[in-house]
Amino acid sequence: MTPEPATASLGGQVAIVTGASQGIGAAVAQELARHGAKVALIARSSDLLTEVTAQIAQSGGQAVALPGDISDPAQVADLFAQAEARLGPCTILINAAGLVVNTPFRDLELAEWDAVFNTNVRGLMLCCQAAFRQMASQGGGTILNFSSLSGVKNVEKFPGLSAYVASKFAVAGLTEALAVEGKPLGIRVMAVSPGAVDTPMLRAAAPQLHPGMTPLDMARIVAFMVSPAGRFLDGTNLELFSNA
């Protein structure tokens, strides 16, 4: 499917997207750029980031690649400082970085648990905090965190994903708390909880699932949520039963 023409609905915005080297994060970065945002792409993989950034530039967008580890507080501070110096203060943060391990709970190593939480919760928290500090000083902004249907009560869970499930419940709870603290600062905080999306991470972790949504589908929803048209979604955790 050919992407829709670029619009200026996010013109003047500076978006930071984590996990932007592939999958949902890359698609979101490209979609925000198509809508006029300047985009800073963060992920561990320098080579993949460079490819996505080049694709955005070829489409007429403006983006910078910022390789780094969001679980490291010093690196997060530096990444946000670099983004501000090169593009301007952050007005939109998309926390799309994610890690999943598929290991039965009885065999789960502490290192695996920590790796999932370091990316999915600690890294997300550090990025939200850095964004809060920049946004509060300039009158506000918008943060969208990726949780998952794995982090929604009474939705089917799958064996081997205990660390991932727990981390996504944490993201959902943190988002609710930050929406409360962000409101008086003009910072809108939301989450989205998709089901199966056709990404390399999903295919590796849960090959039995049959995705009903593509990364581009997800990116278009995100672009709406963070746009002025989505301004009434503050505190929302949008649950997407894409596999129904």
Protein backbone atom coordinates (compact mmCIF):
# COMPACT_ATOMS: atom_id res chain seq x y z
CA MET A 1 0.00 0.00 0.00
CA THR A 2 1.33 3.44 -0.92
CA PRO A 3 1.60 5.78 2.09
CA GLU A 4 -0.73 8.77 2.11
CA PRO A 5 0.79 12.10 1.05
CA ALA A 6 2.66 14.07 3.68
CA THR A 7 0.72 16.65 5.65
CA ALA A 8 1.78 19.46 7.93
CA SER A 9 -0.35 18.39 10.91
CA LEU A 10 2.83 18.00 13.00
CA GLY A 11 4.77 20.87 11.45
CA GLY A 12 7.04 22.55 13.99
CA GLN A 13 7.06 19.52 16.27
CA VAL A 14 10.22 17.70 17.37
CA ALA A 15 9.64 14.00 18.01
CA ILE A 16 11.97 11.55 19.72
CA VAL A 17 11.21 7.93 18.88
CA THR A 18 12.90 5.08 20.74
CA GLY A 19 13.20 1.63 19.22
CA ALA A 20 13.26 3.38 15.85
CA SER A 21 15.60 1.00 14.02
CA GLN A 22 12.90 -1.42 12.85
CA GLY A 23 9.31 -2.58 13.28
CA ILE A 24 6.80 -0.24 14.90
CA GLY A 25 9.38 2.35 15.97
CA ALA A 26 10.75 2.77 12.45
CA ALA A 27 7.26 3.00 10.96
CA VAL A 28 6.22 5.59 13.55
CA ALA A 29 9.32 7.71 12.91
CA GLN A 30 8.64 7.65 9.17
CA GLU A 31 4.95 8.49 9.62
CA LEU A 32 5.63 11.42 11.97
CA ALA A 33 8.16 12.78 9.49
CA ARG A 34 5.57 12.46 6.71
CA HIS A 35 3.29 14.61 8.82
CA GLY A 36 5.92 17.33 9.15
CA ALA A 37 7.68 16.55 12.43
CA LYS A 38 11.44 16.66 12.79
CA VAL A 39 12.39 13.28 14.19
CA ALA A 40 15.25 11.98 16.36
CA LEU A 41 15.61 8.21 16.06
CA ILE A 42 17.04 6.29 19.04
CA ALA A 43 18.04 2.62 19.14
CA ARG A 44 21.08 0.47 19.79
CA SER A 45 21.69 -0.47 16.14
CA SER A 46 23.59 2.30 14.39
CA ASP A 47 23.42 0.65 10.96
CA LEU A 48 19.65 0.13 11.01
CA LEU A 49 19.07 3.64 12.34
CA THR A 50 21.12 5.07 9.50
CA GLU A 51 18.98 3.19 6.98
CA VAL A 52 15.70 4.46 8.42
CA THR A 53 17.02 8.02 8.66
CA ALA A 54 18.10 7.87 5.01
CA GLN A 55 14.64 6.66 4.00
CA ILE A 56 13.05 9.61 5.80
CA ALA A 57 15.43 12.04 4.11
CA GLN A 58 14.70 10.53 0.69
CA SER A 59 11.00 11.16 1.32
CA GLY A 60 11.66 14.82 2.11
CA GLY A 61 11.59 14.55 5.89
CA GLN A 62 14.10 15.69 8.50
CA ALA A 63 15.59 13.16 10.88
CA VAL A 64 18.74 12.40 12.85
CA ALA A 65 20.02 9.01 14.00
CA LEU A 66 21.11 8.85 17.65
CA PRO A 67 22.43 5.39 18.58
CA GLY A 68 22.35 4.66 22.28
CA ASP A 69 21.14 2.56 25.20
CA ILE A 70 18.05 4.02 26.89
CA SER A 71 18.62 1.98 30.06
CA ASP A 72 21.73 4.10 30.80
CA PRO A 73 20.82 7.42 32.51
CA ALA A 74 23.94 9.21 31.25
CA GLN A 75 23.27 8.12 27.68
CA VAL A 76 19.62 9.20 27.88
CA ALA A 77 20.64 12.66 29.09
CA ASP A 78 23.15 12.92 26.25
CA LEU A 79 20.71 11.64 23.61
CA PHE A 80 18.06 14.20 24.58
CA ALA A 81 20.69 16.95 24.66
CA GLN A 82 21.87 15.94 21.18
CA ALA A 83 18.32 15.92 19.85
CA GLU A 84 17.66 19.37 21.29
CA ALA A 85 20.90 20.79 19.87
CA ARG A 86 20.23 19.40 16.38
CA LEU A 87 16.45 19.69 16.06
CA GLY A 88 15.11 21.70 18.98
CA PRO A 89 13.42 20.83 22.29
CA CYS A 90 11.39 17.63 22.36
CA THR A 91 7.65 18.18 21.99
CA ILE A 92 6.66 14.56 21.25
CA LEU A 93 8.14 11.41 22.78
CA ILE A 94 7.26 7.96 21.46
CA ASN A 95 8.53 5.13 23.66
CA ALA A 96 8.48 2.24 21.17
CA ALA A 97 11.62 0.40 22.31
CA GLY A 98 10.79 -3.07 23.55
CA LEU A 99 12.35 -6.39 24.41
CA VAL A 100 10.75 -9.79 24.88
CA VAL A 101 12.18 -13.12 25.97
CA ASN A 102 10.28 -16.38 25.61
CA THR A 103 11.36 -18.57 28.52
CA PRO A 104 9.21 -20.72 30.85
CA PHE A 105 9.01 -19.00 34.24
CA ARG A 106 10.67 -21.89 36.08
CA ASP A 107 13.72 -21.55 33.81
CA LEU A 108 13.78 -17.75 33.58
CA GLU A 109 17.21 -16.33 34.42
CA LEU A 110 17.42 -13.15 36.47
CA ALA A 111 19.52 -11.65 33.68
CA GLU A 112 16.64 -12.19 31.24
CA TRP A 113 14.14 -10.59 33.61
CA ASP A 114 16.45 -7.61 34.14
CA ALA A 115 17.09 -7.21 30.40
CA VAL A 116 13.34 -6.98 29.68
CA PHE A 117 12.71 -4.51 32.51
CA ASN A 118 15.79 -2.43 31.67
CA THR A 119 14.40 -1.69 28.21
CA ASN A 120 10.64 -1.85 28.70
CA VAL A 121 10.37 -0.05 32.05
CA ARG A 122 13.65 1.53 33.20
CA GLY A 123 14.52 2.92 29.76
CA LEU A 124 10.98 4.16 29.19
CA MET A 125 10.97 5.86 32.60
CA LEU A 126 14.31 7.58 31.95
CA CYS A 127 13.11 8.87 28.58
CA CYS A 128 9.83 10.10 30.08
CA GLN A 129 11.74 11.93 32.79
CA ALA A 130 14.07 13.59 30.29
CA ALA A 131 11.07 14.59 28.17
CA PHE A 132 9.22 15.96 31.22
CA ARG A 133 12.17 18.20 32.01
CA GLN A 134 12.37 19.62 28.49
CA MET A 135 8.61 19.89 27.99
CA ALA A 136 7.89 21.51 31.36
CA SER A 137 10.28 24.35 30.58
CA GLN A 138 8.54 25.12 27.28
CA GLY A 139 4.88 24.84 28.19
CA GLY A 140 4.09 21.20 27.47
CA GLY A 141 4.27 18.33 25.03
CA THR A 142 2.97 14.85 24.28
CA ILE A 143 4.24 11.43 25.38
CA LEU A 144 2.98 8.11 24.02
CA ASN A 145 4.15 4.87 25.63
CA PHE A 146 3.82 1.44 24.07
CA SER A 147 2.27 -1.05 26.43
CA SER A 148 0.56 -4.16 25.03
CA LEU A 149 -2.54 -6.29 25.38
CA SER A 150 -0.12 -8.42 27.42
CA GLY A 151 -0.38 -5.66 30.02
CA VAL A 152 -4.20 -5.53 30.04
CA LYS A 153 -6.24 -7.38 32.65
CA ASN A 154 -8.38 -10.33 31.54
CA VAL A 155 -6.78 -10.61 28.10
CA GLU A 156 -5.29 -14.01 27.21
CA LYS A 157 -1.66 -14.41 28.24
CA PHE A 158 0.84 -16.82 26.71
CA PRO A 159 3.35 -19.11 28.46
CA GLY A 160 6.99 -18.07 28.46
CA LEU A 161 6.28 -14.34 28.46
CA SER A 162 6.07 -13.61 32.20
CA ALA A 163 8.75 -10.91 32.18
CA TYR A 164 7.22 -9.18 29.17
CA VAL A 165 3.70 -9.32 30.63
CA ALA A 166 4.85 -7.86 33.96
CA SER A 167 6.80 -5.11 32.22
CA LYS A 168 3.80 -4.04 30.15
CA PHE A 169 1.56 -3.85 33.21
CA ALA A 170 4.23 -1.55 34.67
CA VAL A 171 4.16 0.65 31.57
CA ALA A 172 0.37 0.96 31.76
CA GLY A 173 0.50 1.94 35.44
CA LEU A 174 3.34 4.42 34.97
CA THR A 175 1.45 6.05 32.11
CA GLU A 176 -1.58 6.64 34.34
CA ALA A 177 0.61 8.19 37.02
CA LEU A 178 2.46 10.44 34.57
CA ALA A 179 -0.79 11.63 33.00
CA VAL A 180 -1.76 13.00 36.41
CA GLU A 181 1.60 14.70 37.00
CA GLY A 182 1.82 15.97 33.43
CA LYS A 183 -1.59 17.65 33.29
CA PRO A 184 -0.68 20.84 35.21
CA LEU A 185 2.50 21.10 33.14
CA GLY A 186 0.67 20.87 29.82
CA ILE A 187 2.17 17.43 29.15
CA ARG A 188 -0.26 14.94 27.66
CA VAL A 189 0.65 11.29 28.44
CA MET A 190 -0.97 8.27 26.78
CA ALA A 191 -0.37 4.61 26.11
CA VAL A 192 -1.33 2.29 23.32
CA SER A 193 -1.76 -1.44 23.91
CA PRO A 194 -1.75 -3.28 20.60
CA GLY A 195 -2.29 -6.96 20.07
CA ALA A 196 -0.30 -8.80 17.45
CA VAL A 197 1.56 -6.50 15.06
CA ASP A 198 3.63 -8.03 12.27
CA THR A 199 7.15 -7.23 13.47
CA PRO A 200 10.43 -9.18 13.71
CA MET A 201 10.12 -9.16 17.52
CA LEU A 202 6.67 -10.75 17.44
CA ARG A 203 7.65 -13.39 14.89
CA ALA A 204 10.63 -14.40 17.05
CA ALA A 205 8.77 -14.39 20.37
CA ALA A 206 5.35 -15.75 19.43
CA PRO A 207 5.38 -17.38 15.98
CA GLN A 208 2.01 -19.00 16.71
CA LEU A 209 0.25 -15.63 16.50
CA HIS A 210 -1.18 -14.34 13.25
CA PRO A 211 -0.87 -10.55 13.22
CA GLY A 212 -3.86 -8.55 12.10
CA MET A 213 -1.99 -5.25 11.98
CA THR A 214 1.11 -3.94 10.21
CA PRO A 215 3.61 -1.43 11.61
CA LEU A 216 2.22 1.17 9.17
CA ASP A 217 -1.30 0.60 10.51
CA MET A 218 0.03 1.19 14.00
CA ALA A 219 2.03 4.24 12.94
CA ARG A 220 -1.03 5.93 11.47
CA ILE A 221 -2.91 5.47 14.74
CA VAL A 222 0.02 6.91 16.69
CA ALA A 223 0.26 9.92 14.36
CA PHE A 224 -3.38 10.70 15.06
CA MET A 225 -3.01 10.27 18.82
CA VAL A 226 -0.10 12.71 19.09
CA SER A 227 -1.57 15.22 16.63
CA PRO A 228 -3.75 18.19 17.63
CA ALA A 229 -6.78 16.10 16.58
CA GLY A 230 -5.99 13.66 19.40
CA ARG A 231 -5.75 16.31 22.11
CA PHE A 232 -8.64 14.85 24.13
CA LEU A 233 -6.89 11.51 24.61
CA ASP A 234 -4.88 12.57 27.67
CA GLY A 235 -4.45 9.62 30.04
CA THR A 236 -5.83 7.17 27.48
CA ASN A 237 -4.55 3.61 27.17
CA LEU A 238 -5.87 2.61 23.76
CA GLU A 239 -6.42 -1.16 23.59
CA LEU A 240 -6.23 -2.54 20.05
CA PHE A 241 -7.57 -6.04 19.56
CA SER A 242 -5.96 -6.31 16.15
CA ASN A 243 -5.91 -10.09 16.20
CA ALA A 244 -9.68 -10.45 16.57
